[in-house]
Amino acid sequence: METWLIANLAPVMFAALVLFLLIGYPVAFSLAAVGMLFGFIGIELGMLTPALLQALPDRIFGIMHNEILLAIPFFTFMGLILERSGMAEDLLDTVGQIFGGIRGGLAYAVIFVGALLAATTGVVAASVIAMGLISLPIMLRYGYHKPLAAGVIAASGTLAQIIPPSLVLIVMADVLGRSVGEMYQGALLPGLLLTGFYALYVFGVTLVRPDYAPPLPLAARTLHGRALALRVMIALLPPLALIFLVLGTIFIGWATPTEGGAMGAVGALILAAAKGRLKLEMVQQSLLTTARITSFVVFILIGSSVFSLSFRGVDGDLWVEHLLTGLPGGAFGFLIFVNLLVFLLAFFLDFFEIAFIILPLLAPVAAKFGIDMVWFGVLLGVNMQTSFMHPPFGFALFYLRSVAPPEIRTADIYRGAIPFLAIQILMVILIIAFPQLVNHGLDTAVTNRTPTEIAIPNQAESSLLDTDDFNGLFAAPPATAKP
């Protein structure tokens, strides 16, 4: 029994984590508990030394000292202030007036505003809830098909997952050892293409079933000419200026993501004050929600660090590497398997859990196949976006269900989500087929190559699997241990 356990401790440890998660224990505590438990088991079996666990304080301090992660509370706070100051309502009203005269006009407005909110908030929940509360009753009032209206709102809200300043892109950049700016630049074009595909789908629906998305009646289009132009100046230009301030300075290289997030948070406060909507209660609520989201991310990161330390100590990285490099088809087979795995896991895990648990296991194997880490991160980011749209477990569907009026059934939300889920899967396929969609403008050496030819720049391994923590910490493996 002991010999078998030594040879198979890594898969047993991974299975134990899956069991804890299925039972329903919190992710952060499940990760830490399984990591500590199997660390002690590994010590008892002679696979590693007690000195391994002494590396934990340094790893946790490294997490708390990581300036990149400071961007998460800044961007979260910025998004919450903008959402609660009424910016989303002003944007939807203005863009709805612009497009309202054409079939599907309100749907186009939701998609366009969803992209703008994604570029200013980076928080899916805020985008879906805001647009669900504001636009869904209006779309129903003017005769929109219920599944189409629900699907457009849920899908547009998920753009915050991939369009910078997405929070998950910050986490993935840290895990993959690449800069947040590179990750943002690589994700920008796929995010914009996804927005265009959403609009193209709505256009197709209006051609086949024009009654599904009728234009606004003339009486509902209250702004014309100069009045509409002044409304556009007031409602659209300030958020566009904030987007340039935040993302433009990061792309140009004038500011780090943390500095850009800080400027965005200050800019959001200024916009709210300019509209006369900056109230102490709103700021307090935004700060409290920001603290909760940030704590959630950091605790998962600490738990995953504990898990990965012990997992590597029991040769889990070698087990995963042997498992995945032995797949038929080489790098292409690896990519197909990984994307199917992430797609299926997205039924049960949210994007943060996948980024913290699964990505650190996949990144070293991807590196051995010579896959560029920015391209790999954006590919999985688009794939993980499907976790919000999976019926029946998608979080965006839950968010929309919580604010939808009674006449919207859960079945309507699920039916509306399926076409947009298919569009997201199509985007994954396009990124694999045309890697230059991500690599364009990042590194000309990797542009126009197939996934099996993409070269990985010199870089450290994932920050969660840093080999420096393991030097001199392992005991000599027993003779019965798996090589």
Protein backbone atom coordinates (compact mmCIF):
# COMPACT_ATOMS: atom_id res chain seq x y z
CA MET A 1 0.00 0.00 0.00
CA GLU A 2 2.77 2.43 0.93
CA THR A 3 4.61 1.69 -2.30
CA TRP A 4 1.48 2.33 -4.35
CA LEU A 5 0.78 5.57 -2.48
CA ILE A 6 4.31 6.86 -3.05
CA ALA A 7 4.01 6.15 -6.76
CA ASN A 8 0.54 7.75 -7.07
CA LEU A 9 0.46 10.47 -4.41
CA ALA A 10 0.11 13.29 -6.95
CA PRO A 11 -3.09 11.99 -8.65
CA VAL A 12 -4.51 11.06 -5.22
CA MET A 13 -3.83 14.62 -4.04
CA PHE A 14 -5.55 16.10 -7.10
CA ALA A 15 -8.52 13.74 -6.63
CA ALA A 16 -8.78 14.80 -2.99
CA LEU A 17 -8.99 18.44 -4.06
CA VAL A 18 -11.77 17.64 -6.55
CA LEU A 19 -13.64 15.77 -3.80
CA PHE A 20 -13.38 18.73 -1.41
CA LEU A 21 -14.69 21.08 -4.09
CA LEU A 22 -17.60 18.80 -5.01
CA ILE A 23 -18.59 18.51 -1.35
CA GLY A 24 -18.88 22.28 -1.31
CA TYR A 25 -16.04 23.50 0.89
CA PRO A 26 -14.78 27.02 0.09
CA VAL A 27 -12.15 26.93 -2.64
CA ALA A 28 -9.43 28.84 -0.78
CA PHE A 29 -9.66 26.65 2.33
CA SER A 30 -9.93 23.46 0.27
CA LEU A 31 -6.72 24.31 -1.55
CA ALA A 32 -4.82 25.14 1.63
CA ALA A 33 -6.13 22.16 3.59
CA VAL A 34 -5.33 19.63 0.86
CA GLY A 35 -1.90 21.19 0.37
CA MET A 36 -1.01 21.01 4.07
CA LEU A 37 -2.44 17.50 4.50
CA PHE A 38 -0.51 16.00 1.60
CA GLY A 39 2.58 17.96 2.53
CA PHE A 40 2.61 16.14 5.88
CA ILE A 41 1.83 12.82 4.15
CA GLY A 42 4.74 13.40 1.78
CA ILE A 43 7.04 14.07 4.73
CA GLU A 44 5.91 10.88 6.46
CA LEU A 45 6.54 8.87 3.28
CA GLY A 46 10.00 10.39 2.89
CA MET A 47 9.21 12.08 -0.43
CA LEU A 48 10.10 15.56 0.83
CA THR A 49 11.61 17.21 3.88
CA PRO A 50 9.94 19.40 6.53
CA ALA A 51 11.99 22.29 5.17
CA LEU A 52 9.56 22.40 2.23
CA LEU A 53 6.77 23.84 4.36
CA GLN A 54 9.14 26.47 5.69
CA ALA A 55 8.95 28.10 2.27
CA LEU A 56 5.27 28.91 2.80
CA PRO A 57 5.73 32.19 4.72
CA ASP A 58 8.02 33.53 2.00
CA ARG A 59 5.54 32.58 -0.72
CA ILE A 60 2.63 34.20 1.12
CA PHE A 61 4.68 37.32 1.76
CA GLY A 62 5.54 37.37 -1.94
CA ILE A 63 1.83 37.36 -2.79
CA MET A 64 1.09 40.23 -0.43
CA HIS A 65 4.10 42.12 -1.79
CA ASN A 66 3.04 41.69 -5.43
CA GLU A 67 2.31 45.16 -6.80
CA ILE A 68 0.55 43.76 -9.89
CA LEU A 69 -2.28 42.49 -7.71
CA LEU A 70 -2.91 46.05 -6.48
CA ALA A 71 -4.55 46.68 -9.84
CA ILE A 72 -7.46 44.41 -8.82
CA PRO A 73 -8.92 46.65 -6.06
CA PHE A 74 -8.30 49.78 -8.14
CA PHE A 75 -10.15 48.51 -11.22
CA THR A 76 -12.91 46.97 -9.09
CA PHE A 77 -13.46 50.24 -7.21
CA MET A 78 -13.45 52.20 -10.47
CA GLY A 79 -16.10 49.95 -11.97
CA LEU A 80 -18.34 50.03 -8.92
CA ILE A 81 -18.24 53.84 -8.70
CA LEU A 82 -19.09 54.21 -12.38
CA GLU A 83 -21.89 51.66 -12.19
CA ARG A 84 -23.45 53.12 -9.04
CA SER A 85 -23.11 56.72 -10.21
CA GLY A 86 -25.58 56.06 -13.04
CA MET A 87 -23.10 56.04 -15.93
CA ALA A 88 -24.47 52.77 -17.33
CA GLU A 89 -28.00 54.18 -17.34
CA ASP A 90 -26.86 57.35 -19.14
CA LEU A 91 -24.91 55.33 -21.70
CA LEU A 92 -27.77 52.96 -22.47
CA ASP A 93 -30.26 55.80 -22.80
CA THR A 94 -27.99 57.77 -25.14
CA VAL A 95 -26.89 54.88 -27.34
CA GLY A 96 -30.47 53.59 -27.41
CA GLN A 97 -31.55 56.95 -28.84
CA ILE A 98 -28.82 56.73 -31.50
CA PHE A 99 -29.67 53.20 -32.68
CA GLY A 100 -33.33 53.10 -31.67
CA GLY A 101 -34.67 53.85 -35.14
CA ILE A 102 -33.38 50.60 -36.69
CA ARG A 103 -34.41 46.99 -36.12
CA GLY A 104 -32.39 45.57 -33.24
CA GLY A 105 -31.35 49.07 -32.19
CA LEU A 106 -31.76 48.43 -28.48
CA ALA A 107 -29.79 45.16 -28.78
CA TYR A 108 -26.96 47.01 -30.56
CA ALA A 109 -27.04 49.60 -27.80
CA VAL A 110 -26.73 46.90 -25.13
CA ILE A 111 -23.77 45.31 -26.95
CA PHE A 112 -21.99 48.64 -27.47
CA VAL A 113 -22.55 49.75 -23.90
CA GLY A 114 -21.54 46.30 -22.67
CA ALA A 115 -18.19 46.74 -24.42
CA LEU A 116 -17.77 50.22 -22.93
CA LEU A 117 -18.64 49.01 -19.45
CA ALA A 118 -16.22 46.12 -19.90
CA ALA A 119 -13.47 48.60 -20.74
CA THR A 120 -14.22 50.67 -17.66
CA THR A 121 -15.30 48.17 -15.02
CA GLY A 122 -13.69 44.80 -15.68
CA VAL A 123 -16.41 43.24 -13.48
CA VAL A 124 -18.95 40.92 -15.15
CA ALA A 125 -21.47 41.02 -12.30
CA ALA A 126 -21.63 44.82 -12.36
CA SER A 127 -22.18 44.91 -16.14
CA VAL A 128 -24.87 42.20 -16.26
CA ILE A 129 -26.82 43.51 -13.28
CA ALA A 130 -26.68 47.13 -14.44
CA MET A 131 -27.88 46.34 -17.97
CA GLY A 132 -30.41 43.82 -16.73
CA LEU A 133 -32.03 46.39 -14.46
CA ILE A 134 -31.98 49.20 -16.99
CA SER A 135 -32.40 47.75 -20.48
CA LEU A 136 -34.35 44.49 -20.06
CA PRO A 137 -37.66 46.15 -19.05
CA ILE A 138 -37.32 48.60 -21.95
CA MET A 139 -36.63 45.84 -24.47
CA LEU A 140 -39.65 43.89 -23.24
CA ARG A 141 -41.83 47.00 -23.32
CA TYR A 142 -41.12 47.49 -27.04
CA GLY A 143 -41.74 43.88 -28.03
CA TYR A 144 -38.32 42.24 -28.09
CA HIS A 145 -38.18 38.45 -28.15
CA LYS A 146 -37.54 37.39 -24.55
CA PRO A 147 -34.70 34.88 -25.17
CA LEU A 148 -32.94 37.32 -27.52
CA ALA A 149 -33.16 40.18 -25.03
CA ALA A 150 -31.90 38.00 -22.17
CA GLY A 151 -29.09 36.49 -24.26
CA VAL A 152 -27.83 39.86 -25.51
CA ILE A 153 -27.65 41.27 -21.98
CA ALA A 154 -25.93 38.23 -20.46
CA ALA A 155 -23.42 37.90 -23.31
CA SER A 156 -22.59 41.60 -23.42
CA GLY A 157 -21.92 41.59 -19.69
CA THR A 158 -19.39 38.78 -20.10
CA LEU A 159 -17.25 41.02 -22.33
CA ALA A 160 -15.81 42.33 -19.06
CA GLN A 161 -14.09 38.93 -18.83
CA ILE A 162 -11.89 39.46 -21.89
CA ILE A 163 -11.86 43.18 -22.76
CA PRO A 164 -9.22 45.04 -20.69
CA PRO A 165 -9.09 45.86 -17.80
CA SER A 166 -10.42 42.38 -17.07
CA LEU A 167 -9.58 41.18 -13.55
CA VAL A 168 -8.89 37.63 -14.70
CA LEU A 169 -6.30 38.89 -17.20
CA ILE A 170 -4.42 40.47 -14.30
CA VAL A 171 -4.41 37.16 -12.44
CA MET A 172 -3.43 35.19 -15.54
CA ALA A 173 -0.56 37.56 -16.30
CA ASP A 174 0.81 36.97 -12.82
CA VAL A 175 0.37 33.19 -13.06
CA LEU A 176 1.96 33.01 -16.53
CA GLY A 177 4.84 35.33 -15.72
CA ARG A 178 3.99 37.93 -18.39
CA SER A 179 3.18 41.61 -18.02
CA VAL A 180 -0.41 42.75 -17.63
CA GLY A 181 0.13 45.24 -20.46
CA GLU A 182 1.02 42.42 -22.88
CA MET A 183 -1.99 40.42 -21.77
CA TYR A 184 -4.26 43.44 -22.23
CA GLN A 185 -2.86 44.18 -25.68
CA GLY A 186 -3.22 40.56 -26.77
CA ALA A 187 -6.84 40.35 -25.56
CA LEU A 188 -8.03 43.63 -27.06
CA LEU A 189 -8.60 42.50 -30.67
CA PRO A 190 -10.32 39.19 -29.74
CA GLY A 191 -12.56 41.12 -27.34
CA LEU A 192 -13.53 43.62 -30.04
CA LEU A 193 -14.11 40.83 -32.58
CA LEU A 194 -16.35 39.05 -30.09
CA THR A 195 -18.34 42.27 -29.71
CA GLY A 196 -18.68 42.46 -33.48
CA PHE A 197 -19.83 38.84 -33.71
CA TYR A 198 -22.53 39.55 -31.12
CA ALA A 199 -23.78 42.48 -33.22
CA LEU A 200 -23.58 40.39 -36.39
CA TYR A 201 -25.75 37.71 -34.78
CA VAL A 202 -28.37 40.30 -33.83
CA PHE A 203 -28.29 41.61 -37.41
CA GLY A 204 -28.88 38.08 -38.71
CA VAL A 205 -31.81 37.62 -36.36
CA THR A 206 -33.40 40.88 -37.55
CA LEU A 207 -33.15 39.66 -41.16
CA VAL A 208 -34.77 36.30 -40.45
CA ARG A 209 -37.22 37.34 -37.72
CA PRO A 210 -37.67 41.14 -37.80
CA ASP A 211 -40.45 40.87 -35.21
CA TYR A 212 -37.91 39.64 -32.64
CA ALA A 213 -36.20 43.05 -32.42
CA PRO A 214 -38.46 45.87 -33.67
CA PRO A 215 -37.26 49.48 -33.88
CA LEU A 216 -38.32 51.99 -31.28
CA PRO A 217 -41.51 53.86 -32.18
CA LEU A 218 -41.02 57.49 -33.10
CA ALA A 219 -42.64 58.64 -29.86
CA ALA A 220 -39.93 56.85 -27.86
CA ARG A 221 -37.10 58.59 -29.73
CA THR A 222 -37.20 61.85 -27.83
CA LEU A 223 -33.75 63.21 -28.70
CA HIS A 224 -32.94 64.55 -32.15
CA GLY A 225 -30.42 66.85 -33.79
CA ARG A 226 -28.57 69.18 -31.48
CA ALA A 227 -30.14 67.75 -28.32
CA LEU A 228 -28.88 64.27 -29.19
CA ALA A 229 -25.42 65.65 -30.06
CA LEU A 230 -25.18 67.41 -26.67
CA ARG A 231 -26.30 64.21 -24.90
CA VAL A 232 -23.58 62.25 -26.73
CA MET A 233 -20.99 64.82 -25.63
CA ILE A 234 -22.06 64.50 -22.00
CA ALA A 235 -22.73 60.77 -21.75
CA LEU A 236 -20.19 59.19 -24.13
CA LEU A 237 -17.08 61.36 -24.15
CA PRO A 238 -16.27 61.22 -20.39
CA PRO A 239 -16.19 57.37 -20.20
CA LEU A 240 -14.26 57.22 -23.49
CA ALA A 241 -11.74 59.67 -22.06
CA LEU A 242 -11.45 57.53 -18.94
CA ILE A 243 -10.86 54.43 -21.07
CA PHE A 244 -8.02 56.18 -22.88
CA LEU A 245 -6.60 57.41 -19.59
CA VAL A 246 -6.54 53.91 -18.14
CA LEU A 247 -5.85 51.60 -21.08
CA GLY A 248 -4.05 54.05 -23.36
CA THR A 249 -1.39 54.89 -20.80
CA ILE A 250 -0.87 51.17 -20.09
CA PHE A 251 -0.56 50.24 -23.78
CA ILE A 252 1.75 53.17 -24.54
CA GLY A 253 3.90 52.30 -21.57
CA TRP A 254 3.43 55.52 -19.64
CA ALA A 255 1.89 53.74 -16.65
CA THR A 256 1.90 50.31 -15.08
CA PRO A 257 -1.47 48.53 -14.69
CA THR A 258 -1.46 49.42 -11.01
CA GLU A 259 -0.85 53.10 -11.78
CA GLY A 260 -3.46 53.00 -14.55
CA GLY A 261 -5.98 51.45 -12.17
CA ALA A 262 -5.26 54.15 -9.59
CA MET A 263 -5.83 56.86 -12.20
CA GLY A 264 -9.03 55.13 -13.24
CA ALA A 265 -10.32 55.03 -9.67
CA VAL A 266 -9.60 58.74 -9.23
CA GLY A 267 -11.15 59.48 -12.63
CA ALA A 268 -14.32 57.58 -11.67
CA LEU A 269 -14.63 59.65 -8.51
CA ILE A 270 -14.18 62.84 -10.54
CA LEU A 271 -16.86 61.79 -13.05
CA ALA A 272 -19.28 60.91 -10.26
CA ALA A 273 -18.63 64.26 -8.58
CA ALA A 274 -19.10 66.11 -11.88
CA LYS A 275 -22.53 64.51 -12.25
CA GLY A 276 -23.42 65.47 -8.67
CA ARG A 277 -23.76 61.80 -7.68
CA LEU A 278 -20.74 61.31 -5.45
CA LYS A 279 -22.23 60.45 -2.08
CA LEU A 280 -20.54 59.10 1.03
CA GLU A 281 -22.85 56.09 1.25
CA MET A 282 -22.07 55.09 -2.36
CA VAL A 283 -18.33 55.35 -1.73
CA GLN A 284 -18.61 53.28 1.44
CA GLN A 285 -20.60 50.55 -0.31
CA SER A 286 -18.13 50.50 -3.20
CA LEU A 287 -15.19 50.23 -0.81
CA LEU A 288 -16.83 47.38 1.08
CA THR A 289 -17.58 45.42 -2.12
CA THR A 290 -14.05 46.09 -3.37
CA ALA A 291 -12.61 44.71 -0.14
CA ARG A 292 -14.75 41.57 -0.43
CA ILE A 293 -13.76 40.87 -4.04
CA THR A 294 -10.08 41.55 -3.38
CA SER A 295 -10.06 39.36 -0.27
CA PHE A 296 -11.74 36.57 -2.25
CA VAL A 297 -9.02 36.71 -4.90
CA VAL A 298 -6.10 36.95 -2.47
CA PHE A 299 -7.31 34.11 -0.25
CA ILE A 300 -7.71 31.83 -3.28
CA LEU A 301 -4.22 32.84 -4.40
CA ILE A 302 -2.77 32.00 -0.96
CA GLY A 303 -4.58 28.65 -0.89
CA SER A 304 -3.41 27.79 -4.39
CA SER A 305 0.16 28.67 -3.41
CA VAL A 306 0.00 26.21 -0.50
CA PHE A 307 -1.48 23.54 -2.76
CA SER A 308 1.04 24.04 -5.57
CA LEU A 309 4.00 23.92 -3.15
CA SER A 310 3.01 20.48 -1.85
CA PHE A 311 1.79 19.29 -5.26
CA ARG A 312 5.15 19.96 -6.81
CA GLY A 313 6.86 18.46 -3.78
CA VAL A 314 5.15 15.12 -4.47
CA ASP A 315 6.11 15.31 -8.17
CA GLY A 316 2.68 16.51 -9.27
CA ASP A 317 4.24 18.70 -11.97
CA LEU A 318 5.96 15.64 -13.47
CA TRP A 319 2.73 13.65 -13.33
CA VAL A 320 0.82 16.39 -15.18
CA GLU A 321 3.65 16.82 -17.67
CA HIS A 322 3.81 13.09 -18.46
CA LEU A 323 0.03 12.96 -18.71
CA LEU A 324 -0.28 15.85 -21.15
CA THR A 325 2.86 15.49 -23.23
CA GLY A 326 1.87 11.91 -23.96
CA LEU A 327 -1.31 12.98 -25.74
CA PRO A 328 -1.53 12.20 -29.46
CA GLY A 329 -1.08 15.12 -31.82
CA GLY A 330 1.71 16.94 -30.02
CA ALA A 331 1.06 20.61 -29.28
CA PHE A 332 -2.17 20.65 -31.28
CA GLY A 333 -3.51 17.65 -29.39
CA PHE A 334 -2.52 19.34 -26.14
CA LEU A 335 -4.44 22.49 -27.10
CA ILE A 336 -7.56 20.54 -28.06
CA PHE A 337 -7.48 18.57 -24.79
CA VAL A 338 -6.84 21.67 -22.67
CA ASN A 339 -9.66 23.65 -24.24
CA LEU A 340 -12.11 20.78 -23.85
CA LEU A 341 -10.99 20.38 -20.23
CA VAL A 342 -11.42 24.07 -19.43
CA PHE A 343 -14.77 24.16 -21.21
CA LEU A 344 -16.07 21.23 -19.14
CA LEU A 345 -14.59 22.53 -15.88
CA ALA A 346 -16.33 25.84 -16.53
CA PHE A 347 -19.62 24.07 -15.83
CA PHE A 348 -18.56 23.67 -12.19
CA LEU A 349 -15.74 26.15 -11.44
CA ASP A 350 -15.66 29.90 -11.93
CA PHE A 351 -12.91 31.64 -13.86
CA PHE A 352 -10.84 32.56 -10.79
CA GLU A 353 -10.79 28.95 -9.60
CA ILE A 354 -9.72 27.73 -13.04
CA ALA A 355 -7.02 30.41 -13.26
CA PHE A 356 -5.61 29.57 -9.82
CA ILE A 357 -5.95 25.77 -9.82
CA ILE A 358 -5.74 24.54 -13.41
CA LEU A 359 -3.63 27.16 -15.19
CA PRO A 360 -0.49 26.69 -13.01
CA LEU A 361 -0.60 22.98 -13.90
CA LEU A 362 -0.97 23.62 -17.63
CA ALA A 363 1.49 26.50 -18.07
CA PRO A 364 4.76 24.50 -17.66
CA VAL A 365 3.53 21.90 -20.15
CA ALA A 366 2.56 24.63 -22.62
CA ALA A 367 6.05 26.07 -22.18
CA LYS A 368 7.62 22.74 -23.09
CA PHE A 369 5.58 22.71 -26.29
CA GLY A 370 6.94 26.17 -27.12
CA ILE A 371 3.58 27.94 -26.85
CA ASP A 372 3.64 31.69 -26.27
CA MET A 373 2.27 32.50 -22.83
CA VAL A 374 0.34 35.62 -23.84
CA TRP A 375 -1.40 33.74 -26.66
CA PHE A 376 -2.09 30.80 -24.34
CA GLY A 377 -3.49 33.07 -21.63
CA VAL A 378 -5.82 34.94 -23.99
CA LEU A 379 -6.99 31.66 -25.54
CA LEU A 380 -7.93 30.24 -22.16
CA GLY A 381 -9.39 33.60 -21.11
CA VAL A 382 -11.86 33.48 -24.00
CA ASN A 383 -12.56 29.84 -23.19
CA MET A 384 -13.16 30.62 -19.52
CA GLN A 385 -15.59 33.31 -20.61
CA THR A 386 -17.95 30.46 -21.46
CA SER A 387 -18.18 29.71 -17.72
CA PHE A 388 -20.53 32.69 -17.45
CA MET A 389 -22.85 31.46 -20.22
CA HIS A 390 -23.14 27.72 -19.53
CA PRO A 391 -26.73 26.70 -18.87
CA PRO A 392 -27.62 25.89 -16.17
CA PHE A 393 -24.60 27.01 -14.09
CA GLY A 394 -23.41 30.19 -15.81
CA PHE A 395 -22.87 33.04 -13.37
CA ALA A 396 -24.05 35.69 -15.86
CA LEU A 397 -27.32 33.76 -16.14
CA PHE A 398 -27.64 33.75 -12.35
CA TYR A 399 -26.94 37.50 -12.20
CA LEU A 400 -29.57 38.20 -14.86
CA ARG A 401 -32.12 35.88 -13.23
CA SER A 402 -31.75 37.83 -9.96
CA VAL A 403 -32.82 41.13 -11.57
CA ALA A 404 -35.07 39.95 -14.43
CA PRO A 405 -38.80 40.79 -14.25
CA PRO A 406 -41.24 37.94 -13.52
CA GLU A 407 -42.31 37.53 -17.14
CA ILE A 408 -38.78 36.36 -18.03
CA ARG A 409 -38.57 32.64 -17.32
CA THR A 410 -35.34 30.84 -16.54
CA ALA A 411 -35.86 28.82 -19.74
CA ASP A 412 -35.90 32.09 -21.73
CA ILE A 413 -32.51 33.03 -20.29
CA TYR A 414 -31.05 29.61 -21.09
CA ARG A 415 -32.41 29.63 -24.66
CA GLY A 416 -31.05 33.10 -25.25
CA ALA A 417 -27.59 32.18 -23.93
CA ILE A 418 -26.96 29.20 -26.22
CA PRO A 419 -26.29 31.13 -29.51
CA PHE A 420 -23.87 33.47 -27.76
CA LEU A 421 -22.14 30.50 -26.11
CA ALA A 422 -21.63 29.09 -29.62
CA ILE A 423 -20.12 32.42 -30.71
CA GLN A 424 -17.66 32.28 -27.82
CA ILE A 425 -16.64 28.74 -28.82
CA LEU A 426 -16.18 29.98 -32.41
CA MET A 427 -13.85 32.68 -31.09
CA VAL A 428 -11.73 30.02 -29.37
CA ILE A 429 -11.43 28.16 -32.68
CA LEU A 430 -10.46 31.34 -34.53
CA ILE A 431 -7.70 32.15 -32.03
CA ILE A 432 -6.23 28.68 -32.49
CA ALA A 433 -6.50 28.93 -36.28
CA PHE A 434 -5.22 32.52 -36.49
CA PRO A 435 -2.79 33.18 -33.62
CA GLN A 436 -1.96 36.60 -35.08
CA LEU A 437 -5.30 37.80 -33.67
CA VAL A 438 -3.53 37.84 -30.30
CA ASN A 439 0.12 38.20 -31.28
CA HIS A 440 -0.37 41.13 -33.65
CA GLY A 441 1.68 44.06 -32.38
CA LEU A 442 3.22 42.07 -29.52
CA ASP A 443 6.13 40.22 -31.08
CA THR A 444 6.66 40.02 -34.83
CA ALA A 445 8.72 36.87 -34.33
CA VAL A 446 5.61 34.90 -33.40
CA THR A 447 3.10 36.53 -35.71
CA ASN A 448 1.54 34.42 -38.47
CA ARG A 449 2.76 31.13 -36.99
CA THR A 450 0.62 28.15 -36.17
CA PRO A 451 0.11 27.17 -32.52
CA THR A 452 2.67 24.39 -32.85
CA GLU A 453 5.30 26.85 -34.08
CA ILE A 454 4.82 29.70 -31.62
CA ALA A 455 8.01 30.34 -29.68
CA ILE A 456 7.95 31.12 -26.00
CA PRO A 457 10.15 34.02 -24.85
CA ASN A 458 12.61 33.53 -22.02
CA GLN A 459 10.63 33.81 -18.83
CA ALA A 460 10.17 32.29 -15.41
CA GLU A 461 7.65 29.54 -14.86
CA SER A 462 4.32 30.31 -13.30
CA SER A 463 4.64 32.33 -10.12
CA LEU A 464 2.72 29.57 -8.34
CA LEU A 465 5.28 26.95 -9.35
CA ASP A 466 8.51 28.88 -8.85
CA THR A 467 11.42 26.44 -8.75
CA ASP A 468 13.46 28.71 -6.50
CA ASP A 469 11.28 27.67 -3.58
CA PHE A 470 12.28 24.05 -3.98
CA ASN A 471 16.08 24.15 -4.15
CA GLY A 472 17.45 21.81 -1.50
CA LEU A 473 14.05 21.10 0.00
CA PHE A 474 13.46 17.58 -1.26
CA ALA A 475 14.62 14.42 0.39
CA ALA A 476 16.10 11.75 -1.83
CA PRO A 477 13.10 9.89 -3.30
CA PRO A 478 12.62 6.32 -2.22
CA ALA A 479 13.62 3.62 -4.63
CA THR A 480 9.95 2.76 -5.13
CA ALA A 481 8.99 6.31 -6.02
CA LYS A 482 7.80 7.03 -9.52
CA PRO A 483 10.61 8.63 -11.61
